[in-house]
């Protein structure tokens, strides 16, 4: 299966809206978001994000076109650690066509989303965005604390805090 690009996804979503009359609004958070942040070498084969709209018909359509999708209506619920308060209000619009809107997280919110999962690839992605957008350790810590404030009390918070601190130590020159 060839890598998925933003252009291919946008064209597929435009076809979907023409065929179904449904509107699609996706807040990208995976490899496609990283491409939009400028990492053109970052290949992905799926679309990850928060969807406003009907989930099941869109996922079926994407699968028919051999595009795996990990979509939900609330990415904050994808981890014990919540997204920072107000993350939806801070998004930017990447694509705004009739029936299709693709949005991006604010770079600091993207970093928190990646640190919540904390795989090696997620940490690399977060480091790329931090460097590209000159995100400071203080900014990451503040966003991390905002996420913790909206999270349930859980031992996962200790791990997240440690991940944030280790990540911030790597950002410091």
Protein backbone atom coordinates (compact mmCIF):
# COMPACT_ATOMS: atom_id res chain seq x y z
CA UNK A 1 0.00 0.00 0.00
CA UNK A 2 1.48 3.40 -0.96
CA UNK A 3 2.00 6.05 1.72
CA UNK A 4 -0.92 8.36 2.38
CA UNK A 5 -0.43 12.03 1.61
CA UNK A 6 -2.46 15.06 2.59
CA UNK A 7 -3.37 15.61 -1.06
CA UNK A 8 -4.64 12.04 -1.46
CA UNK A 9 -6.66 12.23 1.77
CA UNK A 10 -8.16 15.58 0.75
CA UNK A 11 -9.16 14.18 -2.66
CA UNK A 12 -10.70 11.08 -1.08
CA UNK A 13 -12.66 13.17 1.41
CA UNK A 14 -13.89 15.44 -1.40
CA UNK A 15 -15.11 12.32 -3.24
CA UNK A 16 -16.79 11.12 -0.07
CA UNK A 17 -18.65 14.39 0.43
CA UNK A 18 -19.74 14.46 -3.23
CA UNK A 19 -21.01 10.88 -3.05
CA UNK A 20 -22.73 11.12 0.33
CA UNK A 21 -23.56 14.77 0.86
CA UNK A 22 -21.96 14.50 4.32
CA UNK A 23 -19.58 17.09 5.72
CA UNK A 24 -16.22 15.97 7.11
CA UNK A 25 -14.21 17.86 9.71
CA UNK A 26 -11.09 16.07 10.98
CA UNK A 27 -8.53 17.30 13.49
CA UNK A 28 -5.41 15.44 12.35
CA UNK A 29 -3.04 14.09 15.00
CA UNK A 30 -0.91 11.37 13.40
CA UNK A 31 1.64 11.17 10.62
CA UNK A 32 -0.45 13.36 8.31
CA UNK A 33 -0.40 16.12 10.91
CA UNK A 34 3.36 15.80 11.11
CA UNK A 35 3.56 16.16 7.33
CA UNK A 36 1.50 19.35 7.62
CA UNK A 37 3.91 20.65 10.27
CA UNK A 38 6.65 20.31 7.67
CA UNK A 39 8.07 16.79 8.07
CA UNK A 40 7.60 15.86 4.43
CA UNK A 41 9.68 12.69 4.84
CA UNK A 42 7.28 11.31 7.48
CA UNK A 43 5.39 8.51 5.75
CA UNK A 44 2.10 7.14 7.00
CA UNK A 45 -0.55 4.82 5.65
CA UNK A 46 -3.44 5.79 7.89
CA UNK A 47 -5.39 8.76 9.11
CA UNK A 48 -5.60 9.48 12.84
CA UNK A 49 -7.74 12.19 14.31
CA UNK A 50 -10.79 13.63 15.93
CA UNK A 51 -13.86 13.65 13.70
CA UNK A 52 -16.84 15.92 13.72
CA UNK A 53 -19.42 14.04 11.69
CA UNK A 54 -20.66 10.53 11.15
CA UNK A 55 -17.92 8.04 11.94
CA UNK A 56 -19.05 4.69 10.54
CA UNK A 57 -19.84 5.69 6.94
CA UNK A 58 -16.56 7.59 6.63
CA UNK A 59 -14.49 4.72 8.05
CA UNK A 60 -16.18 2.27 5.67
CA UNK A 61 -15.47 4.59 2.73
CA UNK A 62 -11.81 4.98 3.71
CA UNK A 63 -11.38 1.23 4.18
CA UNK A 64 -12.92 0.64 0.73
CA UNK A 65 -10.12 2.86 -0.56
CA UNK A 66 -7.53 0.95 1.48
CA UNK A 67 -6.95 3.77 3.97
CA UNK A 68 -6.94 2.58 7.59
CA UNK A 69 -8.46 5.10 9.98
CA UNK A 70 -8.22 5.63 13.71
CA UNK A 71 -10.88 8.26 14.27
CA UNK A 72 -12.98 9.26 17.26
CA UNK A 73 -15.06 12.15 18.43
CA UNK A 74 -12.86 12.91 21.43
CA UNK A 75 -9.09 12.42 21.22
CA UNK A 76 -8.81 13.57 24.81
CA UNK A 77 -10.35 10.23 25.78
CA UNK A 78 -7.66 8.22 23.97
CA UNK A 79 -5.47 8.29 27.08
CA UNK A 80 -5.86 8.52 30.84
CA UNK A 81 -4.09 11.86 30.44
CA UNK A 82 -6.49 14.39 28.94
CA UNK A 83 -5.62 16.88 26.24
CA UNK A 84 -4.89 20.40 27.53
CA UNK A 85 -8.02 22.44 28.19
CA UNK A 86 -9.14 24.42 25.14
CA UNK A 87 -7.16 22.41 22.59
CA UNK A 88 -10.03 22.51 20.08
CA UNK A 89 -10.19 26.32 20.22
CA UNK A 90 -6.48 26.57 19.42
CA UNK A 91 -6.59 24.48 16.24
CA UNK A 92 -5.70 25.93 12.87
CA UNK A 93 -7.39 25.14 9.57
CA UNK A 94 -5.20 23.33 7.06
CA UNK A 95 -7.82 22.55 4.38
CA UNK A 96 -11.14 24.32 4.01
CA UNK A 97 -13.04 23.16 0.93
CA UNK A 98 -16.76 22.68 0.43
CA UNK A 99 -17.68 19.79 2.73
CA UNK A 100 -14.09 19.08 3.83
CA UNK A 101 -12.19 20.71 6.64
CA UNK A 102 -8.87 19.42 8.01
CA UNK A 103 -7.47 21.03 11.12
CA UNK A 104 -4.22 20.85 13.07
CA UNK A 105 -3.52 21.05 16.76
CA UNK A 106 -1.53 23.97 18.05
CA UNK A 107 2.07 22.68 18.02
CA UNK A 108 2.28 22.58 21.83
CA UNK A 109 -0.95 20.60 22.03
CA UNK A 110 0.41 18.22 19.38
CA UNK A 111 3.48 17.67 21.55
CA UNK A 112 1.30 16.84 24.55
CA UNK A 113 -0.75 14.44 22.41
CA UNK A 114 2.47 12.65 21.47
CA UNK A 115 3.84 12.63 25.01
CA UNK A 116 0.60 11.10 26.29
CA UNK A 117 1.40 7.98 24.27
CA UNK A 118 5.15 8.23 24.63
CA UNK A 119 6.49 5.72 22.09
CA UNK A 120 9.92 6.35 20.60
CA UNK A 121 8.32 7.49 17.33
CA UNK A 122 5.94 9.79 19.24
CA UNK A 123 8.88 11.36 21.07
CA UNK A 124 10.71 11.88 17.77
CA UNK A 125 7.59 13.50 16.29
CA UNK A 126 7.21 15.75 19.34
CA UNK A 127 10.89 16.74 19.19
CA UNK A 128 10.58 17.64 15.51
CA UNK A 129 7.59 19.91 16.17
CA UNK A 130 9.21 21.47 19.24
CA UNK A 131 12.34 22.34 17.26
CA UNK A 132 10.47 23.52 14.16
CA UNK A 133 8.12 25.79 16.13
CA UNK A 134 10.61 26.77 18.84
CA UNK A 135 8.48 25.39 21.65
CA UNK A 136 10.19 25.94 24.99
CA UNK A 137 10.39 23.47 27.86
CA UNK A 138 8.30 25.93 29.92
CA UNK A 139 5.57 25.83 27.25
CA UNK A 140 5.56 22.03 27.21
CA UNK A 141 5.46 21.86 31.01
CA UNK A 142 2.56 24.33 31.20
CA UNK A 143 0.57 22.40 28.58
CA UNK A 144 1.36 19.15 30.37
CA UNK A 145 0.09 20.55 33.66
CA UNK A 146 -3.07 21.77 31.91
CA UNK A 147 -3.62 18.24 30.62
CA UNK A 148 -3.04 16.77 34.08
CA UNK A 149 -5.51 19.21 35.64
CA UNK A 150 -8.30 17.77 33.46
CA UNK A 151 -7.26 14.14 33.92
CA UNK A 152 -8.59 11.63 36.42
CA UNK A 153 -6.30 10.80 39.31
CA UNK A 154 -4.32 7.79 38.17
CA UNK A 155 -0.80 6.41 38.47
CA UNK A 156 -0.43 7.04 34.71
CA UNK A 157 -0.09 10.73 35.62
CA UNK A 158 3.25 10.00 37.32
CA UNK A 159 4.55 8.34 34.14
CA UNK A 160 3.28 11.22 32.00
CA UNK A 161 4.97 13.79 34.27
CA UNK A 162 8.24 11.87 34.02
CA UNK A 163 7.89 11.69 30.22
CA UNK A 164 7.33 15.46 30.09
CA UNK A 165 10.36 16.13 32.26
CA UNK A 166 12.64 13.81 30.26
CA UNK A 167 11.38 15.34 27.01
CA UNK A 168 11.95 18.89 28.31
CA UNK A 169 15.48 17.96 29.39
CA UNK A 170 16.15 16.91 25.77
CA UNK A 171 14.86 20.29 24.53
CA UNK A 172 17.27 22.25 26.68
CA UNK A 173 20.43 23.07 24.67
